Amino acid sequence: MMDSEKHQQTAVAITYQTGDSAPKIVAKGRGLIAEEIIARASEHGVFVHESKDLVALLMQVELDRHIPPALYRAVAELLAWLYHVETAQKNANRLS
C-alpha cells in the first residue's frame, strides 16, 4: 500500500500466511524507502493499493508485528479488494 499525496511518499507492506493470527507488517518507510518497497512489489507482481488513511494507521505498527484488532476490518477490506483483483487477472489470462 502506498500514500502518494504531495508530501513525502509512504508505503507499508503486509503479509498474511494461512495459520497466522493476523496480517503482519513486513516493511514500511518514507521517501526512498517507500519507493523501493513499491518497486520491489511491482517487480514481484504484488499489487499496490493506495490508501492514505490506512497507510497512516499501519505506519504506527512496529515491523514484524501483527496488525492490531482495531485494523482488522480495514485490512479485511483490502484483502477482499486484492482477491477481487487477482481473480479478475486470472480470468483475463484464461481468456487470452
PDB file of N, CA and C in Angstrom:
ATOM      1  N   MET A   1       0.843  -1.172   0.000  1.00  0.00           N
ATOM      2  CA  MET A   1       0.000   0.000   0.000  1.00  0.00           C
ATOM      3  C   MET A   1       0.882   1.226   0.000  1.00  0.00           C
ATOM      4  N   MET A   2       0.338   2.267  -0.544  1.00  0.00           N
ATOM      5  CA  MET A   2       1.130   3.487  -0.551  1.00  0.00           C
ATOM      6  C   MET A   2       0.231   4.701  -0.419  1.00  0.00           C
ATOM      7  N   ASP A   3       0.835   5.792  -0.011  1.00  0.00           N
ATOM      8  CA  ASP A   3       0.170   7.086   0.092  1.00  0.00           C
ATOM      9  C   ASP A   3       1.030   8.033  -0.723  1.00  0.00           C
ATOM     10  N   SER A   4       0.502   8.483  -1.860  1.00  0.00           N
ATOM     11  CA  SER A   4       1.324   9.289  -2.756  1.00  0.00           C
ATOM     12  C   SER A   4       0.854  10.737  -2.849  1.00  0.00           C
ATOM     13  N   GLU A   5       0.383  11.299  -1.779  1.00  0.00           N
ATOM     14  CA  GLU A   5      -0.025  12.703  -1.779  1.00  0.00           C
ATOM     15  C   GLU A   5       1.202  13.581  -2.005  1.00  0.00           C
ATOM     16  N   LYS A   6       1.014  14.888  -1.977  1.00  0.00           N
ATOM     17  CA  LYS A   6       2.090  15.825  -2.286  1.00  0.00           C
ATOM     18  C   LYS A   6       3.223  15.794  -1.269  1.00  0.00           C
ATOM     19  N   HIS A   7       2.950  15.352  -0.047  1.00  0.00           N
ATOM     20  CA  HIS A   7       4.028  15.247   0.929  1.00  0.00           C
ATOM     21  C   HIS A   7       4.840  13.979   0.647  1.00  0.00           C
ATOM     22  N   GLN A   8       5.811  13.724   1.463  1.00  0.00           N
ATOM     23  CA  GLN A   8       6.708  12.596   1.230  1.00  0.00           C
ATOM     24  C   GLN A   8       5.932  11.279   1.167  1.00  0.00           C
ATOM     25  N   GLN A   9       6.198  10.511   0.131  1.00  0.00           N
ATOM     26  CA  GLN A   9       5.504   9.241  -0.079  1.00  0.00           C
ATOM     27  C   GLN A   9       5.794   8.270   1.060  1.00  0.00           C
ATOM     28  N   THR A  10       4.777   7.508   1.463  1.00  0.00           N
ATOM     29  CA  THR A  10       4.946   6.464   2.463  1.00  0.00           C
ATOM     30  C   THR A  10       4.410   5.163   1.896  1.00  0.00           C
ATOM     31  N   ALA A  11       4.951   4.056   2.373  1.00  0.00           N
ATOM     32  CA  ALA A  11       4.488   2.747   1.927  1.00  0.00           C
ATOM     33  C   ALA A  11       4.616   1.746   3.059  1.00  0.00           C
ATOM     34  N   VAL A  12       3.691   0.809   3.075  1.00  0.00           N
ATOM     35  CA  VAL A  12       3.688  -0.264   4.065  1.00  0.00           C
ATOM     36  C   VAL A  12       3.434  -1.563   3.313  1.00  0.00           C
ATOM     37  N   ALA A  13       4.199  -2.590   3.637  1.00  0.00           N
ATOM     38  CA  ALA A  13       3.977  -3.916   3.051  1.00  0.00           C
ATOM     39  C   ALA A  13       3.483  -4.835   4.163  1.00  0.00           C
ATOM     40  N   ILE A  14       2.403  -5.546   3.850  1.00  0.00           N
ATOM     41  CA  ILE A  14       1.878  -6.505   4.820  1.00  0.00           C
ATOM     42  C   ILE A  14       1.861  -7.885   4.187  1.00  0.00           C
ATOM     43  N   THR A  15       1.891  -8.900   5.030  1.00  0.00           N
ATOM     44  CA  THR A  15       1.798 -10.276   4.561  1.00  0.00           C
ATOM     45  C   THR A  15       0.843 -11.026   5.462  1.00  0.00           C
ATOM     46  N   TYR A  16       0.228 -12.042   4.880  1.00  0.00           N
ATOM     47  CA  TYR A  16      -0.646 -12.907   5.665  1.00  0.00           C
ATOM     48  C   TYR A  16      -0.425 -14.329   5.199  1.00  0.00           C
ATOM     49  N   GLN A  17      -0.106 -15.185   6.134  1.00  0.00           N
ATOM     50  CA  GLN A  17       0.105 -16.603   5.852  1.00  0.00           C
ATOM     51  C   GLN A  17      -1.019 -17.385   6.520  1.00  0.00           C
ATOM     52  N   THR A  18      -1.509 -18.408   5.866  1.00  0.00           N
ATOM     53  CA  THR A  18      -2.530 -19.250   6.474  1.00  0.00           C
ATOM     54  C   THR A  18      -2.018 -19.737   7.820  1.00  0.00           C
ATOM     55  N   GLY A  19      -2.845 -19.599   8.818  1.00  0.00           N
ATOM     56  CA  GLY A  19      -2.461 -20.015  10.166  1.00  0.00           C
ATOM     57  C   GLY A  19      -2.002 -18.866  11.043  1.00  0.00           C
ATOM     58  N   ASP A  20      -1.642 -17.734  10.425  1.00  0.00           N
ATOM     59  CA  ASP A  20      -1.271 -16.558  11.218  1.00  0.00           C
ATOM     60  C   ASP A  20      -2.509 -16.026  11.923  1.00  0.00           C
ATOM     61  N   SER A  21      -2.301 -15.409  13.071  1.00  0.00           N
ATOM     62  CA  SER A  21      -3.428 -14.830  13.791  1.00  0.00           C
ATOM     63  C   SER A  21      -3.938 -13.562  13.112  1.00  0.00           C
ATOM     64  N   ALA A  22      -3.071 -12.873  12.375  1.00  0.00           N
ATOM     65  CA  ALA A  22      -3.439 -11.632  11.682  1.00  0.00           C
ATOM     66  C   ALA A  22      -2.331 -11.298  10.690  1.00  0.00           C
ATOM     67  N   PRO A  23      -2.624 -10.415   9.726  1.00  0.00           N
ATOM     68  CA  PRO A  23      -1.557  -9.963   8.823  1.00  0.00           C
ATOM     69  C   PRO A  23      -0.443  -9.265   9.608  1.00  0.00           C
ATOM     70  N   LYS A  24       0.742  -9.296   9.048  1.00  0.00           N
ATOM     71  CA  LYS A  24       1.923  -8.746   9.706  1.00  0.00           C
ATOM     72  C   LYS A  24       2.565  -7.673   8.842  1.00  0.00           C
ATOM     73  N   ILE A  25       3.118  -6.637   9.485  1.00  0.00           N
ATOM     74  CA  ILE A  25       3.862  -5.589   8.795  1.00  0.00           C
ATOM     75  C   ILE A  25       5.269  -6.123   8.519  1.00  0.00           C
ATOM     76  N   VAL A  26       5.647  -6.176   7.241  1.00  0.00           N
ATOM     77  CA  VAL A  26       6.969  -6.705   6.892  1.00  0.00           C
ATOM     78  C   VAL A  26       7.916  -5.640   6.355  1.00  0.00           C
ATOM     79  N   ALA A  27       7.383  -4.489   5.970  1.00  0.00           N
ATOM     80  CA  ALA A  27       8.226  -3.380   5.518  1.00  0.00           C
ATOM     81  C   ALA A  27       7.410  -2.100   5.600  1.00  0.00           C
ATOM     82  N   LYS A  28       8.099  -1.006   5.903  1.00  0.00           N
ATOM     83  CA  LYS A  28       7.443   0.300   5.903  1.00  0.00           C
ATOM     84  C   LYS A  28       8.504   1.366   5.794  1.00  0.00           C
ATOM     85  N   GLY A  29       8.124   2.510   5.230  1.00  0.00           N
ATOM     86  CA  GLY A  29       9.092   3.583   5.121  1.00  0.00           C
ATOM     87  C   GLY A  29       8.539   4.780   4.386  1.00  0.00           C
ATOM     88  N   ARG A  30       9.360   5.818   4.364  1.00  0.00           N
ATOM     89  CA  ARG A  30       9.026   7.077   3.685  1.00  0.00           C
ATOM     90  C   ARG A  30      10.098   7.374   2.636  1.00  0.00           C
ATOM     91  N   GLY A  31       9.732   8.227   1.679  1.00  0.00           N
ATOM     92  CA  GLY A  31      10.703   8.688   0.687  1.00  0.00           C
ATOM     93  C   GLY A  31      11.293   7.565  -0.139  1.00  0.00           C
ATOM     94  N   LEU A  32      12.625   7.499  -0.172  1.00  0.00           N
ATOM     95  CA  LEU A  32      13.317   6.500  -0.989  1.00  0.00           C
ATOM     96  C   LEU A  32      12.994   5.080  -0.553  1.00  0.00           C
ATOM     97  N   ILE A  33      12.819   4.864   0.734  1.00  0.00           N
ATOM     98  CA  ILE A  33      12.473   3.522   1.218  1.00  0.00           C
ATOM     99  C   ILE A  33      11.096   3.129   0.701  1.00  0.00           C
ATOM    100  N   ALA A  34      10.143   4.061   0.749  1.00  0.00           N
ATOM    101  CA  ALA A  34       8.805   3.795   0.215  1.00  0.00           C
ATOM    102  C   ALA A  34       8.876   3.474  -1.271  1.00  0.00           C
ATOM    103  N   GLU A  35       9.657   4.237  -1.998  1.00  0.00           N
ATOM    104  CA  GLU A  35       9.806   3.984  -3.433  1.00  0.00           C
ATOM    105  C   GLU A  35      10.373   2.591  -3.688  1.00  0.00           C
ATOM    106  N   GLU A  36      11.325   2.166  -2.875  1.00  0.00           N
ATOM    107  CA  GLU A  36      11.925   0.835  -3.022  1.00  0.00           C
ATOM    108  C   GLU A  36      10.915  -0.264  -2.693  1.00  0.00           C
ATOM    109  N   ILE A  37      10.110  -0.066  -1.660  1.00  0.00           N
ATOM    110  CA  ILE A  37       9.071  -1.041  -1.315  1.00  0.00           C
ATOM    111  C   ILE A  37       8.126  -1.212  -2.499  1.00  0.00           C
ATOM    112  N   ILE A  38       7.696  -0.102  -3.075  1.00  0.00           N
ATOM    113  CA  ILE A  38       6.764  -0.137  -4.199  1.00  0.00           C
ATOM    114  C   ILE A  38       7.416  -0.772  -5.433  1.00  0.00           C
ATOM    115  N   ALA A  39       8.672  -0.438  -5.681  1.00  0.00           N
ATOM    116  CA  ALA A  39       9.390  -1.012  -6.830  1.00  0.00           C
ATOM    117  C   ALA A  39       9.531  -2.522  -6.686  1.00  0.00           C
ATOM    118  N   ARG A  40       9.893  -2.979  -5.508  1.00  0.00           N
ATOM    119  CA  ARG A  40      10.047  -4.432  -5.298  1.00  0.00           C
ATOM    120  C   ARG A  40       8.716  -5.151  -5.411  1.00  0.00           C
ATOM    121  N   ALA A  41       7.658  -4.523  -4.908  1.00  0.00           N
ATOM    122  CA  ALA A  41       6.330  -5.124  -5.050  1.00  0.00           C
ATOM    123  C   ALA A  41       6.000  -5.293  -6.533  1.00  0.00           C
ATOM    124  N   SER A  42       6.230  -4.249  -7.298  1.00  0.00           N
ATOM    125  CA  SER A  42       5.940  -4.295  -8.734  1.00  0.00           C
ATOM    126  C   SER A  42       6.775  -5.362  -9.442  1.00  0.00           C
ATOM    127  N   GLU A  43       8.051  -5.461  -9.085  1.00  0.00           N
ATOM    128  CA  GLU A  43       8.938  -6.461  -9.694  1.00  0.00           C
ATOM    129  C   GLU A  43       8.435  -7.880  -9.466  1.00  0.00           C
ATOM    130  N   HIS A  44       7.783  -8.103  -8.315  1.00  0.00           N
ATOM    131  CA  HIS A  44       7.330  -9.443  -7.949  1.00  0.00           C
ATOM    132  C   HIS A  44       5.843  -9.656  -8.209  1.00  0.00           C
ATOM    133  N   GLY A  45       5.227  -8.740  -8.952  1.00  0.00           N
ATOM    134  CA  GLY A  45       3.826  -8.903  -9.298  1.00  0.00           C
ATOM    135  C   GLY A  45       2.863  -8.714  -8.144  1.00  0.00           C
ATOM    136  N   VAL A  46       3.313  -8.022  -7.105  1.00  0.00           N
ATOM    137  CA  VAL A  46       2.458  -7.760  -5.950  1.00  0.00           C
ATOM    138  C   VAL A  46       1.665  -6.489  -6.231  1.00  0.00           C
ATOM    139  N   PHE A  47       0.376  -6.566  -6.015  1.00  0.00           N
ATOM    140  CA  PHE A  47      -0.477  -5.409  -6.264  1.00  0.00           C
ATOM    141  C   PHE A  47      -0.243  -4.337  -5.204  1.00  0.00           C
ATOM    142  N   VAL A  48      -0.329  -3.086  -5.626  1.00  0.00           N
ATOM    143  CA  VAL A  48      -0.151  -1.943  -4.730  1.00  0.00           C
ATOM    144  C   VAL A  48      -1.480  -1.207  -4.655  1.00  0.00           C
ATOM    145  N   HIS A  49      -1.939  -0.989  -3.457  1.00  0.00           N
ATOM    146  CA  HIS A  49      -3.217  -0.303  -3.225  1.00  0.00           C
ATOM    147  C   HIS A  49      -2.931   1.022  -2.541  1.00  0.00           C
ATOM    148  N   GLU A  50      -3.521   2.101  -3.047  1.00  0.00           N
ATOM    149  CA  GLU A  50      -3.317   3.426  -2.458  1.00  0.00           C
ATOM    150  C   GLU A  50      -4.412   3.721  -1.449  1.00  0.00           C
ATOM    151  N   SER A  51      -4.018   3.966  -0.214  1.00  0.00           N
ATOM    152  CA  SER A  51      -4.971   4.311   0.832  1.00  0.00           C
ATOM    153  C   SER A  51      -4.266   5.146   1.889  1.00  0.00           C
ATOM    154  N   LYS A  52      -4.391   6.454   1.765  1.00  0.00           N
ATOM    155  CA  LYS A  52      -3.721   7.394   2.666  1.00  0.00           C
ATOM    156  C   LYS A  52      -4.020   7.089   4.135  1.00  0.00           C
ATOM    157  N   ASP A  53      -5.290   6.914   4.455  1.00  0.00           N
ATOM    158  CA  ASP A  53      -5.674   6.714   5.854  1.00  0.00           C
ATOM    159  C   ASP A  53      -5.157   5.391   6.406  1.00  0.00           C
ATOM    160  N   LEU A  54      -5.291   4.323   5.625  1.00  0.00           N
ATOM    161  CA  LEU A  54      -4.835   3.025   6.104  1.00  0.00           C
ATOM    162  C   LEU A  54      -3.316   2.988   6.240  1.00  0.00           C
ATOM    163  N   VAL A  55      -2.606   3.578   5.296  1.00  0.00           N
ATOM    164  CA  VAL A  55      -1.142   3.624   5.394  1.00  0.00           C
ATOM    165  C   VAL A  55      -0.730   4.385   6.654  1.00  0.00           C
ATOM    166  N   ALA A  56      -1.380   5.503   6.933  1.00  0.00           N
ATOM    167  CA  ALA A  56      -1.050   6.282   8.126  1.00  0.00           C
ATOM    168  C   ALA A  56      -1.232   5.445   9.386  1.00  0.00           C
ATOM    169  N   LEU A  57      -2.296   4.660   9.449  1.00  0.00           N
ATOM    170  CA  LEU A  57      -2.527   3.803  10.616  1.00  0.00           C
ATOM    171  C   LEU A  57      -1.498   2.675  10.697  1.00  0.00           C
ATOM    172  N   LEU A  58      -1.209   2.056   9.551  1.00  0.00           N
ATOM    173  CA  LEU A  58      -0.263   0.942   9.555  1.00  0.00           C
ATOM    174  C   LEU A  58       1.167   1.390   9.821  1.00  0.00           C
ATOM    175  N   MET A  59       1.502   2.623   9.490  1.00  0.00           N
ATOM    176  CA  MET A  59       2.843   3.144   9.775  1.00  0.00           C
ATOM    177  C   MET A  59       3.108   3.176  11.279  1.00  0.00           C
ATOM    178  N   GLN A  60       2.056   3.178  12.082  1.00  0.00           N
ATOM    179  CA  GLN A  60       2.211   3.224  13.538  1.00  0.00           C
ATOM    180  C   GLN A  60       2.509   1.847  14.136  1.00  0.00           C
ATOM    181  N   VAL A  61       2.319   0.785  13.349  1.00  0.00           N
ATOM    182  CA  VAL A  61       2.572  -0.574  13.811  1.00  0.00           C
ATOM    183  C   VAL A  61       4.049  -0.897  13.602  1.00  0.00           C
ATOM    184  N   GLU A  62       4.668  -1.496  14.605  1.00  0.00           N
ATOM    185  CA  GLU A  62       6.091  -1.831  14.502  1.00  0.00           C
ATOM    186  C   GLU A  62       6.314  -2.957  13.498  1.00  0.00           C
ATOM    187  N   LEU A  63       7.495  -2.962  12.892  1.00  0.00           N
ATOM    188  CA  LEU A  63       7.877  -4.024  11.962  1.00  0.00           C
ATOM    189  C   LEU A  63       7.779  -5.388  12.622  1.00  0.00           C
ATOM    190  N   ASP A  64       7.419  -6.385  11.834  1.00  0.00           N
ATOM    191  CA  ASP A  64       7.292  -7.775  12.275  1.00  0.00           C
ATOM    192  C   ASP A  64       6.234  -7.972  13.354  1.00  0.00           C
ATOM    193  N   ARG A  65       5.315  -7.023  13.456  1.00  0.00           N
ATOM    194  CA  ARG A  65       4.195  -7.148  14.402  1.00  0.00           C
ATOM    195  C   ARG A  65       2.918  -7.378  13.615  1.00  0.00           C
ATOM    196  N   HIS A  66       2.017  -8.121  14.222  1.00  0.00           N
ATOM    197  CA  HIS A  66       0.705  -8.324  13.623  1.00  0.00           C
ATOM    198  C   HIS A  66      -0.102  -7.046  13.765  1.00  0.00           C
ATOM    199  N   ILE A  67      -0.969  -6.816  12.797  1.00  0.00           N
ATOM    200  CA  ILE A  67      -1.797  -5.618  12.894  1.00  0.00           C
ATOM    201  C   ILE A  67      -2.721  -5.758  14.102  1.00  0.00           C
ATOM    202  N   PRO A  68      -3.065  -4.643  14.746  1.00  0.00           N
ATOM    203  CA  PRO A  68      -3.940  -4.703  15.912  1.00  0.00           C
ATOM    204  C   PRO A  68      -5.393  -4.988  15.511  1.00  0.00           C
ATOM    205  N   PRO A  69      -6.164  -5.576  16.409  1.00  0.00           N
ATOM    206  CA  PRO A  69      -7.568  -5.888  16.105  1.00  0.00           C
ATOM    207  C   PRO A  69      -8.372  -4.692  15.589  1.00  0.00           C
ATOM    208  N   ALA A  70      -8.041  -3.494  16.016  1.00  0.00           N
ATOM    209  CA  ALA A  70      -8.782  -2.308  15.570  1.00  0.00           C
ATOM    210  C   ALA A  70      -8.676  -2.110  14.058  1.00  0.00           C
ATOM    211  N   LEU A  71      -7.651  -2.684  13.427  1.00  0.00           N
ATOM    212  CA  LEU A  71      -7.459  -2.517  11.981  1.00  0.00           C
ATOM    213  C   LEU A  71      -7.911  -3.734  11.176  1.00  0.00           C
ATOM    214  N   TYR A  72      -8.453  -4.754  11.836  1.00  0.00           N
ATOM    215  CA  TYR A  72      -8.850  -5.966  11.127  1.00  0.00           C
ATOM    216  C   TYR A  72      -9.826  -5.676   9.992  1.00  0.00           C
ATOM    217  N   ARG A  73     -10.843  -4.877  10.268  1.00  0.00           N
ATOM    218  CA  ARG A  73     -11.864  -4.625   9.233  1.00  0.00           C
ATOM    219  C   ARG A  73     -11.252  -3.918   8.022  1.00  0.00           C
ATOM    220  N   ALA A  74     -10.455  -2.893   8.262  1.00  0.00           N
ATOM    221  CA  ALA A  74      -9.850  -2.150   7.155  1.00  0.00           C
ATOM    222  C   ALA A  74      -8.945  -3.056   6.328  1.00  0.00           C
ATOM    223  N   VAL A  75      -8.167  -3.892   6.985  1.00  0.00           N
ATOM    224  CA  VAL A  75      -7.264  -4.787   6.258  1.00  0.00           C
ATOM    225  C   VAL A  75      -8.065  -5.890   5.569  1.00  0.00           C
ATOM    226  N   ALA A  76      -9.146  -6.345   6.189  1.00  0.00           N
ATOM    227  CA  ALA A  76     -10.003  -7.353   5.547  1.00  0.00           C
ATOM    228  C   ALA A  76     -10.584  -6.796   4.250  1.00  0.00           C
ATOM    229  N   GLU A  77     -10.988  -5.525   4.257  1.00  0.00           N
ATOM    230  CA  GLU A  77     -11.495  -4.900   3.041  1.00  0.00           C
ATOM    231  C   GLU A  77     -10.405  -4.822   1.975  1.00  0.00           C
ATOM    232  N   LEU A  78      -9.192  -4.532   2.395  1.00  0.00           N
ATOM    233  CA  LEU A  78      -8.060  -4.504   1.474  1.00  0.00           C
ATOM    234  C   LEU A  78      -7.813  -5.889   0.882  1.00  0.00           C
ATOM    235  N   LEU A  79      -7.829  -6.922   1.724  1.00  0.00           N
ATOM    236  CA  LEU A  79      -7.602  -8.279   1.240  1.00  0.00           C
ATOM    237  C   LEU A  79      -8.724  -8.726   0.299  1.00  0.00           C
ATOM    238  N   ALA A  80      -9.952  -8.305   0.558  1.00  0.00           N
ATOM    239  CA  ALA A  80     -11.063  -8.619  -0.334  1.00  0.00           C
ATOM    240  C   ALA A  80     -10.845  -7.955  -1.691  1.00  0.00           C
ATOM    241  N   TRP A  81     -10.384  -6.698  -1.677  1.00  0.00           N
ATOM    242  CA  TRP A  81     -10.065  -5.994  -2.920  1.00  0.00           C
ATOM    243  C   TRP A  81      -8.979  -6.754  -3.687  1.00  0.00           C
ATOM    244  N   LEU A  82      -7.939  -7.167  -2.974  1.00  0.00           N
ATOM    245  CA  LEU A  82      -6.832  -7.882  -3.595  1.00  0.00           C
ATOM    246  C   LEU A  82      -7.308  -9.196  -4.215  1.00  0.00           C
ATOM    247  N   TYR A  83      -8.150  -9.922  -3.492  1.00  0.00           N
ATOM    248  CA  TYR A  83      -8.692 -11.172  -4.018  1.00  0.00           C
ATOM    249  C   TYR A  83      -9.465 -10.904  -5.309  1.00  0.00           C
ATOM    250  N   HIS A  84     -10.260  -9.847  -5.316  1.00  0.00           N
ATOM    251  CA  HIS A  84     -11.037  -9.467  -6.498  1.00  0.00           C
ATOM    252  C   HIS A  84     -10.111  -9.158  -7.686  1.00  0.00           C
ATOM    253  N   VAL A  85      -9.072  -8.379  -7.431  1.00  0.00           N
ATOM    254  CA  VAL A  85      -8.117  -8.012  -8.488  1.00  0.00           C
ATOM    255  C   VAL A  85      -7.398  -9.255  -9.017  1.00  0.00           C
ATOM    256  N   GLU A  86      -6.926 -10.109  -8.123  1.00  0.00           N
ATOM    257  CA  GLU A  86      -6.215 -11.313  -8.550  1.00  0.00           C
ATOM    258  C   GLU A  86      -7.123 -12.242  -9.337  1.00  0.00           C
ATOM    259  N   THR A  87      -8.376 -12.399  -8.908  1.00  0.00           N
ATOM    260  CA  THR A  87      -9.329 -13.250  -9.612  1.00  0.00           C
ATOM    261  C   THR A  87      -9.612 -12.711 -11.004  1.00  0.00           C
ATOM    262  N   ALA A  88      -9.819 -11.394 -11.095  1.00  0.00           N
ATOM    263  CA  ALA A  88     -10.066 -10.779 -12.396  1.00  0.00           C
ATOM    264  C   ALA A  88      -8.877 -10.970 -13.332  1.00  0.00           C
ATOM    265  N   GLN A  89      -7.677 -10.845 -12.789  1.00  0.00           N
ATOM    266  CA  GLN A  89      -6.480 -11.020 -13.615  1.00  0.00           C
ATOM    267  C   GLN A  89      -6.356 -12.465 -14.088  1.00  0.00           C
ATOM    268  N   LYS A  90      -6.608 -13.423 -13.207  1.00  0.00           N
ATOM    269  CA  LYS A  90      -6.528 -14.832 -13.603  1.00  0.00           C
ATOM    270  C   LYS A  90      -7.557 -15.158 -14.691  1.00  0.00           C
ATOM    271  N   ASN A  91      -8.768 -14.635 -14.530  1.00  0.00           N
ATOM    272  CA  ASN A  91      -9.809 -14.867 -15.529  1.00  0.00           C
ATOM    273  C   ASN A  91      -9.423 -14.236 -16.866  1.00  0.00           C
ATOM    274  N   ALA A  92      -8.848 -13.055 -16.843  1.00  0.00           N
ATOM    275  CA  ALA A  92      -8.411 -12.385 -18.072  1.00  0.00           C
ATOM    276  C   ALA A  92      -7.313 -13.206 -18.754  1.00  0.00           C
ATOM    277  N   ASN A  93      -6.406 -13.762 -17.961  1.00  0.00           N
ATOM    278  CA  ASN A  93      -5.320 -14.581 -18.536  1.00  0.00           C
ATOM    279  C   ASN A  93      -5.858 -15.853 -19.173  1.00  0.00           C
ATOM    280  N   ARG A  94      -6.930 -16.430 -18.622  1.00  0.00           N
ATOM    281  CA  ARG A  94      -7.514 -17.635 -19.198  1.00  0.00           C
ATOM    282  C   ARG A  94      -8.161 -17.354 -20.551  1.00  0.00           C
ATOM    283  N   LEU A  95      -8.696 -16.150 -20.708  1.00  0.00           N
ATOM    284  CA  LEU A  95      -9.378 -15.788 -21.933  1.00  0.00           C
ATOM    285  C   LEU A  95      -8.429 -15.416 -23.059  1.00  0.00           C
ATOM    286  N   SER A  96      -7.188 -15.117 -22.725  1.00  0.00           N
ATOM    287  CA  SER A  96      -6.256 -14.695 -23.774  1.00  0.00           C
ATOM    288  C   SER A  96      -5.422 -15.840 -24.289  1.00  0.00           C
TER     289      SER A  96
END
